[in-house]
């Protein structure tokens, strides 16, 4: 009997939405855990919470030594789990819907956002680790990675919702014809 090493089938819509729901729960739950276990960590040092390199370094300074240490722990633990989860969830959802709005290559958008998030996290850890130094190039890279990540996630989310809505409309239009109406 063959083990079937052919191409895998795309996830069902239900599997895609369960994955996205799990990612949302991990995102929100991680925020609660971070605030509970690391109260001095403050808001994450990423856009849109600041709009300039100066504001970034001022925010890092206001955290104090304990807050910078706690934020570094949060970034290296919880903010590693979050992108892994949403990268996987978006990959599944975009795989499910990708053929409806542009092809199978789009499923990799979630992975691209995840990689930008990891690069952003490396920049945050660098800012926290070298403080009170103010590496302007790292601050610029941090903003570039953060905004790229959010842009990719926005486009991917709009694509998923658009494909889902299109499918719903198509199913609604074909239902009366199937019933003889």
N, C-alpha and C. Protein backbone atom coordinates (compact mmCIF):
# COMPACT_ATOMS: atom_id res chain seq x y z
N UNK A 1 0.85 -1.18 0.00
CA UNK A 1 0.00 0.00 0.00
C UNK A 1 0.89 1.24 0.00
N UNK A 2 0.58 2.20 -0.83
CA UNK A 2 1.37 3.42 -0.98
C UNK A 2 1.13 4.37 0.20
N UNK A 3 2.18 5.08 0.58
CA UNK A 3 2.07 6.06 1.66
C UNK A 3 1.59 7.41 1.15
N UNK A 4 1.51 7.57 -0.16
CA UNK A 4 0.97 8.81 -0.72
C UNK A 4 1.87 10.01 -0.50
N UNK A 5 2.97 10.09 -1.19
CA UNK A 5 3.89 11.20 -1.02
C UNK A 5 3.64 12.31 -2.04
N UNK A 6 2.44 12.40 -2.55
CA UNK A 6 2.08 13.43 -3.51
C UNK A 6 1.89 14.77 -2.81
N UNK A 7 1.44 15.76 -3.56
CA UNK A 7 1.25 17.08 -2.96
C UNK A 7 0.17 17.06 -1.89
N UNK A 8 0.41 17.84 -0.85
CA UNK A 8 -0.58 17.93 0.22
C UNK A 8 -1.77 18.74 -0.26
N UNK A 9 -2.91 18.47 0.36
CA UNK A 9 -4.11 19.22 0.04
C UNK A 9 -4.16 20.47 0.90
N UNK A 10 -4.73 21.50 0.31
CA UNK A 10 -4.89 22.76 1.05
C UNK A 10 -5.82 22.54 2.24
N UNK A 11 -5.63 23.30 3.29
CA UNK A 11 -6.53 23.18 4.44
C UNK A 11 -7.95 23.59 4.05
N UNK A 12 -8.90 23.07 4.79
CA UNK A 12 -10.29 23.46 4.58
C UNK A 12 -10.48 24.87 5.15
N UNK A 13 -11.62 25.47 4.80
CA UNK A 13 -11.92 26.78 5.37
C UNK A 13 -11.98 26.72 6.89
N UNK A 14 -12.60 25.67 7.41
CA UNK A 14 -12.70 25.53 8.86
C UNK A 14 -11.32 25.46 9.49
N UNK A 15 -10.42 24.67 8.91
CA UNK A 15 -9.06 24.57 9.45
C UNK A 15 -8.34 25.91 9.38
N UNK A 16 -8.55 26.66 8.30
CA UNK A 16 -7.91 27.97 8.16
C UNK A 16 -8.40 28.93 9.24
N UNK A 17 -9.71 28.97 9.47
CA UNK A 17 -10.25 29.89 10.47
C UNK A 17 -9.89 29.46 11.89
N UNK A 18 -9.80 28.17 12.14
CA UNK A 18 -9.35 27.70 13.46
C UNK A 18 -7.91 28.15 13.70
N UNK A 19 -7.07 28.05 12.69
CA UNK A 19 -5.68 28.49 12.82
C UNK A 19 -5.61 29.99 13.10
N UNK A 20 -6.41 30.78 12.39
CA UNK A 20 -6.42 32.23 12.62
C UNK A 20 -6.95 32.57 14.01
N UNK A 21 -7.96 31.85 14.46
CA UNK A 21 -8.49 32.07 15.80
C UNK A 21 -7.44 31.73 16.86
N UNK A 22 -6.74 30.63 16.66
CA UNK A 22 -5.66 30.26 17.59
C UNK A 22 -4.60 31.34 17.63
N UNK A 23 -4.22 31.89 16.49
CA UNK A 23 -3.22 32.95 16.45
C UNK A 23 -3.71 34.19 17.22
N UNK A 24 -5.00 34.52 17.08
CA UNK A 24 -5.55 35.67 17.80
C UNK A 24 -5.53 35.42 19.31
N UNK A 25 -5.86 34.22 19.72
CA UNK A 25 -5.85 33.87 21.15
C UNK A 25 -4.42 33.95 21.70
N UNK A 26 -3.46 33.44 20.95
CA UNK A 26 -2.06 33.51 21.39
C UNK A 26 -1.61 34.96 21.49
N UNK A 27 -1.98 35.79 20.50
CA UNK A 27 -1.60 37.20 20.50
C UNK A 27 -2.15 37.91 21.74
N UNK A 28 -3.44 37.77 21.98
CA UNK A 28 -4.07 38.45 23.11
C UNK A 28 -3.57 37.84 24.44
N UNK A 29 -3.53 36.51 24.50
CA UNK A 29 -3.07 35.85 25.72
C UNK A 29 -1.65 36.20 26.08
N UNK A 30 -0.78 36.32 25.09
CA UNK A 30 0.62 36.68 25.35
C UNK A 30 0.71 38.08 25.94
N UNK A 31 -0.14 38.97 25.48
CA UNK A 31 -0.16 40.32 26.04
C UNK A 31 -0.52 40.31 27.52
N UNK A 32 -1.52 39.52 27.89
CA UNK A 32 -1.89 39.40 29.30
C UNK A 32 -0.77 38.79 30.12
N UNK A 33 -0.16 37.74 29.60
CA UNK A 33 0.95 37.07 30.30
C UNK A 33 2.10 38.04 30.49
N UNK A 34 2.43 38.79 29.44
CA UNK A 34 3.54 39.74 29.53
C UNK A 34 3.28 40.80 30.60
N UNK A 35 2.06 41.33 30.63
CA UNK A 35 1.76 42.37 31.62
C UNK A 35 1.72 41.81 33.03
N UNK A 36 1.32 40.55 33.16
CA UNK A 36 1.25 39.92 34.48
C UNK A 36 2.64 39.56 35.01
N UNK A 37 3.44 38.91 34.17
CA UNK A 37 4.75 38.43 34.62
C UNK A 37 5.87 39.46 34.53
N UNK A 38 5.70 40.43 33.63
CA UNK A 38 6.76 41.41 33.39
C UNK A 38 6.18 42.82 33.39
N UNK A 39 5.71 43.28 34.55
CA UNK A 39 4.99 44.56 34.60
C UNK A 39 5.87 45.77 34.25
N UNK A 40 7.17 45.67 34.43
CA UNK A 40 8.03 46.81 34.14
C UNK A 40 8.46 46.87 32.68
N UNK A 41 8.09 45.88 31.89
CA UNK A 41 8.51 45.85 30.50
C UNK A 41 7.84 46.95 29.67
N UNK A 42 6.68 47.41 30.08
CA UNK A 42 6.01 48.49 29.36
C UNK A 42 5.56 48.06 27.97
N UNK A 43 5.22 49.06 27.14
CA UNK A 43 4.82 48.80 25.76
C UNK A 43 6.04 48.40 24.95
N UNK A 44 5.82 47.52 24.00
CA UNK A 44 6.92 47.07 23.16
C UNK A 44 7.49 48.24 22.37
N UNK A 45 8.80 48.24 22.22
CA UNK A 45 9.48 49.32 21.50
C UNK A 45 9.40 49.09 20.00
N UNK A 46 8.24 49.31 19.44
CA UNK A 46 8.07 49.15 18.00
C UNK A 46 7.04 50.16 17.51
N UNK A 47 7.12 50.53 16.24
CA UNK A 47 6.07 51.38 15.70
C UNK A 47 4.73 50.66 15.82
N UNK A 48 3.65 51.30 15.97
CA UNK A 48 3.44 52.74 15.90
C UNK A 48 3.52 53.44 17.25
N UNK A 49 4.10 52.81 18.24
CA UNK A 49 4.11 53.41 19.58
C UNK A 49 5.07 54.59 19.68
N UNK A 50 5.95 54.76 18.74
CA UNK A 50 6.82 55.92 18.67
C UNK A 50 6.99 56.26 17.19
N UNK A 51 7.34 57.51 16.92
CA UNK A 51 7.40 57.94 15.52
C UNK A 51 8.77 58.48 15.10
N UNK A 52 9.77 58.32 15.95
CA UNK A 52 11.11 58.78 15.58
C UNK A 52 12.14 57.99 16.37
N UNK A 53 13.37 58.03 15.93
CA UNK A 53 14.45 57.36 16.65
C UNK A 53 14.61 57.97 18.04
N UNK A 54 14.48 59.28 18.13
CA UNK A 54 14.60 59.96 19.43
C UNK A 54 13.54 59.44 20.40
N UNK A 55 12.31 59.30 19.92
CA UNK A 55 11.22 58.80 20.78
C UNK A 55 11.48 57.35 21.20
N UNK A 56 12.05 56.55 20.31
CA UNK A 56 12.39 55.16 20.64
C UNK A 56 13.39 55.12 21.79
N UNK A 57 14.46 55.89 21.67
CA UNK A 57 15.50 55.87 22.69
C UNK A 57 15.02 56.48 24.01
N UNK A 58 14.14 57.47 23.93
CA UNK A 58 13.55 58.02 25.15
C UNK A 58 12.68 56.97 25.85
N UNK A 59 11.91 56.22 25.06
CA UNK A 59 11.07 55.16 25.64
C UNK A 59 11.95 54.09 26.29
N UNK A 60 13.05 53.73 25.64
CA UNK A 60 13.97 52.74 26.21
C UNK A 60 14.55 53.25 27.52
N UNK A 61 14.87 54.54 27.57
CA UNK A 61 15.41 55.12 28.79
C UNK A 61 14.41 55.13 29.93
N UNK A 62 13.14 55.43 29.62
CA UNK A 62 12.09 55.48 30.64
C UNK A 62 11.81 54.12 31.27
N UNK A 63 12.15 53.05 30.55
CA UNK A 63 11.92 51.71 31.10
C UNK A 63 12.80 51.44 32.32
N UNK A 64 13.96 52.04 32.37
CA UNK A 64 14.91 51.74 33.43
C UNK A 64 15.58 50.40 33.18
N UNK A 65 16.59 50.09 33.99
CA UNK A 65 17.33 48.84 33.78
C UNK A 65 16.43 47.61 33.91
N UNK A 66 15.59 47.58 34.95
CA UNK A 66 14.71 46.41 35.16
C UNK A 66 13.71 46.27 34.03
N UNK A 67 13.14 47.38 33.58
CA UNK A 67 12.16 47.33 32.49
C UNK A 67 12.80 46.87 31.18
N UNK A 68 14.04 47.35 30.90
CA UNK A 68 14.72 46.89 29.69
C UNK A 68 15.03 45.41 29.77
N UNK A 69 15.44 44.94 30.94
CA UNK A 69 15.70 43.50 31.10
C UNK A 69 14.43 42.69 30.89
N UNK A 70 13.31 43.15 31.47
CA UNK A 70 12.05 42.44 31.32
C UNK A 70 11.57 42.46 29.87
N UNK A 71 11.71 43.61 29.22
CA UNK A 71 11.25 43.68 27.83
C UNK A 71 12.09 42.76 26.94
N UNK A 72 13.36 42.67 27.22
CA UNK A 72 14.23 41.76 26.45
C UNK A 72 13.73 40.32 26.60
N UNK A 73 13.35 39.93 27.82
CA UNK A 73 12.82 38.58 28.05
C UNK A 73 11.52 38.37 27.27
N UNK A 74 10.64 39.37 27.31
CA UNK A 74 9.36 39.28 26.59
C UNK A 74 9.60 39.12 25.09
N UNK A 75 10.51 39.92 24.55
CA UNK A 75 10.78 39.86 23.11
C UNK A 75 11.38 38.51 22.73
N UNK A 76 12.25 37.98 23.56
CA UNK A 76 12.93 36.72 23.22
C UNK A 76 12.07 35.48 23.49
N UNK A 77 10.98 35.63 24.23
CA UNK A 77 10.13 34.47 24.51
C UNK A 77 8.75 34.64 23.86
N UNK A 78 7.91 35.47 24.47
CA UNK A 78 6.54 35.61 23.99
C UNK A 78 6.49 36.16 22.56
N UNK A 79 7.35 37.12 22.27
CA UNK A 79 7.31 37.69 20.92
C UNK A 79 8.08 36.84 19.92
N UNK A 80 8.43 35.65 20.31
CA UNK A 80 8.90 34.64 19.37
C UNK A 80 7.75 33.67 19.08
N UNK A 81 6.95 33.39 20.09
CA UNK A 81 5.80 32.49 19.94
C UNK A 81 4.74 33.13 19.05
N UNK A 82 4.50 34.43 19.24
CA UNK A 82 3.44 35.12 18.47
C UNK A 82 3.70 35.03 16.97
N UNK A 83 4.87 35.43 16.45
CA UNK A 83 5.06 35.35 15.00
C UNK A 83 5.06 33.92 14.47
N UNK A 84 5.56 32.99 15.26
CA UNK A 84 5.50 31.59 14.81
C UNK A 84 4.05 31.16 14.62
N UNK A 85 3.19 31.58 15.55
CA UNK A 85 1.78 31.19 15.49
C UNK A 85 1.07 31.88 14.33
N UNK A 86 1.24 33.21 14.20
CA UNK A 86 0.51 33.87 13.11
C UNK A 86 1.12 33.53 11.76
N UNK A 87 2.43 33.27 11.69
CA UNK A 87 3.04 32.85 10.43
C UNK A 87 2.42 31.55 9.94
N UNK A 88 2.26 30.60 10.87
CA UNK A 88 1.63 29.32 10.55
C UNK A 88 0.16 29.52 10.16
N UNK A 89 -0.57 30.34 10.93
CA UNK A 89 -2.00 30.54 10.68
C UNK A 89 -2.23 31.22 9.33
N UNK A 90 -1.47 32.26 9.04
CA UNK A 90 -1.63 32.94 7.76
C UNK A 90 -1.22 32.02 6.60
N UNK A 91 -0.18 31.23 6.81
CA UNK A 91 0.21 30.27 5.78
C UNK A 91 -0.96 29.35 5.46
N UNK A 92 -1.61 28.81 6.50
CA UNK A 92 -2.75 27.90 6.31
C UNK A 92 -3.92 28.62 5.62
N UNK A 93 -4.26 29.81 6.11
CA UNK A 93 -5.41 30.54 5.54
C UNK A 93 -5.13 30.98 4.11
N UNK A 94 -3.93 31.46 3.85
CA UNK A 94 -3.60 31.89 2.49
C UNK A 94 -3.47 30.70 1.55
N UNK A 95 -3.10 29.56 2.07
CA UNK A 95 -3.07 28.35 1.25
C UNK A 95 -4.50 27.96 0.87
N UNK A 96 -5.39 28.06 1.85
CA UNK A 96 -6.80 27.73 1.62
C UNK A 96 -7.42 28.66 0.58
N UNK A 97 -7.19 29.97 0.73
CA UNK A 97 -7.84 30.96 -0.12
C UNK A 97 -6.97 31.46 -1.28
N UNK A 98 -5.68 31.18 -1.25
CA UNK A 98 -4.74 31.75 -2.22
C UNK A 98 -5.09 31.52 -3.67
N UNK A 99 -5.57 30.35 -4.00
CA UNK A 99 -5.93 30.06 -5.38
C UNK A 99 -7.07 30.91 -5.89
N UNK A 100 -7.85 31.49 -4.98
CA UNK A 100 -9.00 32.30 -5.37
C UNK A 100 -8.61 33.74 -5.68
N UNK A 101 -7.42 34.18 -5.23
CA UNK A 101 -7.08 35.58 -5.47
C UNK A 101 -5.61 35.79 -5.81
N UNK A 102 -4.99 34.84 -6.49
CA UNK A 102 -3.66 35.14 -6.97
C UNK A 102 -2.69 34.00 -7.00
N UNK A 103 -3.03 32.86 -6.50
CA UNK A 103 -2.15 31.73 -6.65
C UNK A 103 -1.49 31.26 -5.36
N UNK A 104 -0.86 30.10 -5.46
CA UNK A 104 -0.31 29.44 -4.27
C UNK A 104 0.87 30.17 -3.65
N UNK A 105 1.56 31.01 -4.41
CA UNK A 105 2.71 31.72 -3.84
C UNK A 105 2.33 32.68 -2.73
N UNK A 106 1.09 33.14 -2.73
CA UNK A 106 0.65 34.09 -1.71
C UNK A 106 0.63 33.51 -0.31
N UNK A 107 0.58 32.18 -0.21
CA UNK A 107 0.54 31.58 1.13
C UNK A 107 1.80 31.89 1.91
N UNK A 108 2.87 32.29 1.23
CA UNK A 108 4.13 32.59 1.90
C UNK A 108 4.16 34.00 2.50
N UNK A 109 3.11 34.79 2.30
CA UNK A 109 3.07 36.14 2.87
C UNK A 109 3.16 36.11 4.40
N UNK A 110 2.46 35.17 5.02
CA UNK A 110 2.52 35.07 6.48
C UNK A 110 3.92 34.74 6.98
N UNK A 111 4.63 33.92 6.24
CA UNK A 111 6.01 33.57 6.60
C UNK A 111 6.91 34.80 6.43
N UNK A 112 6.68 35.58 5.37
CA UNK A 112 7.46 36.80 5.16
C UNK A 112 7.24 37.78 6.31
N UNK A 113 5.99 37.93 6.74
CA UNK A 113 5.69 38.81 7.88
C UNK A 113 6.38 38.29 9.15
N UNK A 114 6.36 36.99 9.34
CA UNK A 114 7.01 36.39 10.50
C UNK A 114 8.50 36.69 10.50
N UNK A 115 9.15 36.57 9.35
CA UNK A 115 10.59 36.84 9.25
C UNK A 115 10.89 38.32 9.52
N UNK A 116 10.02 39.21 9.04
CA UNK A 116 10.17 40.64 9.36
C UNK A 116 10.03 40.87 10.86
N UNK A 117 9.12 40.16 11.50
CA UNK A 117 8.92 40.28 12.94
C UNK A 117 10.17 39.83 13.69
N UNK A 118 10.77 38.73 13.25
CA UNK A 118 12.00 38.27 13.90
C UNK A 118 13.13 39.29 13.74
N UNK A 119 13.25 39.89 12.56
CA UNK A 119 14.26 40.92 12.34
C UNK A 119 13.98 42.15 13.21
N UNK A 120 12.71 42.51 13.31
CA UNK A 120 12.30 43.61 14.18
C UNK A 120 12.68 43.31 15.63
N UNK A 121 12.42 42.08 16.08
CA UNK A 121 12.76 41.69 17.44
C UNK A 121 14.27 41.77 17.69
N UNK A 122 15.06 41.38 16.69
CA UNK A 122 16.52 41.47 16.83
C UNK A 122 16.93 42.94 17.01
N UNK A 123 16.28 43.84 16.30
CA UNK A 123 16.57 45.27 16.46
C UNK A 123 16.18 45.76 17.85
N UNK A 124 15.02 45.33 18.34
CA UNK A 124 14.59 45.74 19.68
C UNK A 124 15.57 45.24 20.73
N UNK A 125 15.97 43.98 20.64
CA UNK A 125 16.93 43.43 21.60
C UNK A 125 18.25 44.19 21.53
N UNK A 126 18.66 44.57 20.34
CA UNK A 126 19.90 45.35 20.19
C UNK A 126 19.78 46.70 20.89
N UNK A 127 18.67 47.41 20.66
CA UNK A 127 18.46 48.71 21.31
C UNK A 127 18.47 48.54 22.83
N UNK A 128 17.80 47.52 23.33
CA UNK A 128 17.75 47.29 24.78
C UNK A 128 19.10 46.89 25.35
N UNK A 129 19.89 46.15 24.58
CA UNK A 129 21.16 45.62 25.07
C UNK A 129 22.28 46.65 25.07
N UNK A 130 22.26 47.59 24.13
CA UNK A 130 23.37 48.55 24.04
C UNK A 130 23.04 49.88 24.71
N UNK A 131 21.82 50.01 25.27
CA UNK A 131 21.45 51.25 25.93
C UNK A 131 22.49 51.59 26.99
N UNK A 132 22.95 52.80 27.09
CA UNK A 132 22.42 54.07 26.61
C UNK A 132 22.92 54.50 25.21
N UNK A 133 23.64 53.64 24.52
CA UNK A 133 24.00 53.98 23.15
C UNK A 133 22.72 54.13 22.34
N UNK A 134 22.80 54.93 21.28
CA UNK A 134 21.63 55.21 20.44
C UNK A 134 21.96 54.91 18.98
N UNK A 135 21.98 53.62 18.60
CA UNK A 135 22.33 53.27 17.21
C UNK A 135 21.20 53.64 16.24
N UNK A 136 21.39 54.76 15.55
CA UNK A 136 20.35 55.27 14.65
C UNK A 136 20.02 54.28 13.54
N UNK A 137 21.01 53.59 13.01
CA UNK A 137 20.76 52.63 11.93
C UNK A 137 19.85 51.49 12.40
N UNK A 138 20.02 51.07 13.64
CA UNK A 138 19.17 50.00 14.19
C UNK A 138 17.73 50.52 14.34
N UNK A 139 17.59 51.77 14.77
CA UNK A 139 16.25 52.34 14.92
C UNK A 139 15.54 52.44 13.57
N UNK A 140 16.28 52.82 12.53
CA UNK A 140 15.69 52.91 11.19
C UNK A 140 15.31 51.52 10.69
N UNK A 141 16.20 50.54 10.89
CA UNK A 141 15.90 49.16 10.47
C UNK A 141 14.69 48.63 11.23
N UNK A 142 14.60 48.93 12.51
CA UNK A 142 13.45 48.50 13.32
C UNK A 142 12.16 49.03 12.73
N UNK A 143 12.14 50.30 12.38
CA UNK A 143 10.93 50.87 11.78
C UNK A 143 10.62 50.22 10.44
N UNK A 144 11.64 50.01 9.63
CA UNK A 144 11.42 49.40 8.30
C UNK A 144 10.85 48.00 8.44
N UNK A 145 11.42 47.18 9.31
CA UNK A 145 10.92 45.82 9.49
C UNK A 145 9.51 45.81 10.07
N UNK A 146 9.26 46.68 11.05
CA UNK A 146 7.93 46.72 11.68
C UNK A 146 6.85 47.14 10.68
N UNK A 147 7.10 48.21 9.93
CA UNK A 147 6.08 48.68 8.99
C UNK A 147 5.90 47.71 7.84
N UNK A 148 6.98 47.05 7.43
CA UNK A 148 6.86 46.04 6.37
C UNK A 148 6.00 44.87 6.87
N UNK A 149 6.27 44.42 8.09
CA UNK A 149 5.47 43.34 8.68
C UNK A 149 4.00 43.70 8.71
N UNK A 150 3.69 44.90 9.23
CA UNK A 150 2.28 45.29 9.35
C UNK A 150 1.65 45.47 7.97
N UNK A 151 2.41 45.96 7.01
CA UNK A 151 1.87 46.09 5.65
C UNK A 151 1.54 44.74 5.04
N UNK A 152 2.45 43.79 5.20
CA UNK A 152 2.20 42.44 4.68
C UNK A 152 0.98 41.82 5.35
N UNK A 153 0.90 41.96 6.67
CA UNK A 153 -0.24 41.38 7.39
C UNK A 153 -1.56 42.04 6.98
N UNK A 154 -1.53 43.35 6.74
CA UNK A 154 -2.75 44.04 6.30
C UNK A 154 -3.18 43.53 4.93
N UNK A 155 -2.24 43.42 4.00
CA UNK A 155 -2.57 42.92 2.67
C UNK A 155 -3.07 41.47 2.72
N UNK A 156 -2.40 40.65 3.52
CA UNK A 156 -2.80 39.25 3.65
C UNK A 156 -4.19 39.13 4.26
N UNK A 157 -4.47 39.94 5.27
CA UNK A 157 -5.79 39.92 5.91
C UNK A 157 -6.87 40.36 4.93
N UNK A 158 -6.61 41.43 4.19
CA UNK A 158 -7.59 41.89 3.20
C UNK A 158 -7.80 40.82 2.12
N UNK A 159 -6.73 40.15 1.73
CA UNK A 159 -6.86 39.08 0.74
C UNK A 159 -7.69 37.92 1.24
N UNK A 160 -7.46 37.52 2.48
CA UNK A 160 -8.24 36.41 3.07
C UNK A 160 -9.71 36.80 3.17
N UNK A 161 -9.97 37.99 3.70
CA UNK A 161 -11.36 38.43 3.85
C UNK A 161 -12.03 38.62 2.49
N UNK A 162 -11.29 39.16 1.52
CA UNK A 162 -11.85 39.33 0.18
C UNK A 162 -12.18 38.00 -0.47
N UNK A 163 -11.28 37.03 -0.35
CA UNK A 163 -11.53 35.71 -0.93
C UNK A 163 -12.69 35.02 -0.22
N UNK A 164 -12.76 35.16 1.08
CA UNK A 164 -13.86 34.57 1.85
C UNK A 164 -15.20 35.19 1.42
N UNK A 165 -15.24 36.54 1.31
CA UNK A 165 -16.47 37.22 0.91
C UNK A 165 -16.87 36.83 -0.51
N UNK A 166 -15.89 36.76 -1.40
CA UNK A 166 -16.16 36.37 -2.79
C UNK A 166 -16.76 34.97 -2.85
N UNK A 167 -16.20 34.07 -2.07
CA UNK A 167 -16.71 32.70 -2.03
C UNK A 167 -18.14 32.66 -1.49
N UNK A 168 -18.40 33.45 -0.45
CA UNK A 168 -19.74 33.50 0.12
C UNK A 168 -20.75 34.03 -0.90
N UNK A 169 -20.37 35.09 -1.61
CA UNK A 169 -21.28 35.66 -2.61
C UNK A 169 -21.53 34.67 -3.74
N UNK A 170 -20.50 34.01 -4.19
CA UNK A 170 -20.65 33.02 -5.26
C UNK A 170 -21.57 31.90 -4.80
N UNK A 171 -21.39 31.43 -3.57
CA UNK A 171 -22.25 30.36 -3.04
C UNK A 171 -23.69 30.84 -2.90
N UNK A 172 -23.88 32.08 -2.51
CA UNK A 172 -25.23 32.62 -2.35
C UNK A 172 -25.93 32.74 -3.71
N UNK A 173 -25.16 33.15 -4.72
CA UNK A 173 -25.74 33.29 -6.06
C UNK A 173 -26.07 31.94 -6.68
N UNK A 174 -25.26 30.94 -6.38
CA UNK A 174 -25.49 29.62 -6.99
C UNK A 174 -26.56 28.82 -6.23
N UNK A 175 -26.85 29.18 -5.00
CA UNK A 175 -27.85 28.44 -4.22
C UNK A 175 -29.24 28.48 -4.84
N UNK A 176 -29.76 29.65 -5.29
CA UNK A 176 -31.10 29.63 -5.91
C UNK A 176 -31.14 28.81 -7.19
N UNK A 177 -30.08 28.82 -7.98
CA UNK A 177 -30.05 28.04 -9.20
C UNK A 177 -30.09 26.54 -8.89
N UNK A 178 -29.42 26.15 -7.83
CA UNK A 178 -29.41 24.74 -7.44
C UNK A 178 -30.79 24.29 -6.96
N UNK A 179 -31.55 25.25 -6.43
CA UNK A 179 -32.89 24.93 -5.94
C UNK A 179 -33.96 25.06 -7.03
N UNK A 180 -33.52 25.40 -8.24
CA UNK A 180 -34.48 25.52 -9.34
C UNK A 180 -35.08 26.90 -9.43
N UNK A 181 -34.49 27.90 -8.71
CA UNK A 181 -35.06 29.24 -8.70
C UNK A 181 -34.33 30.15 -9.52
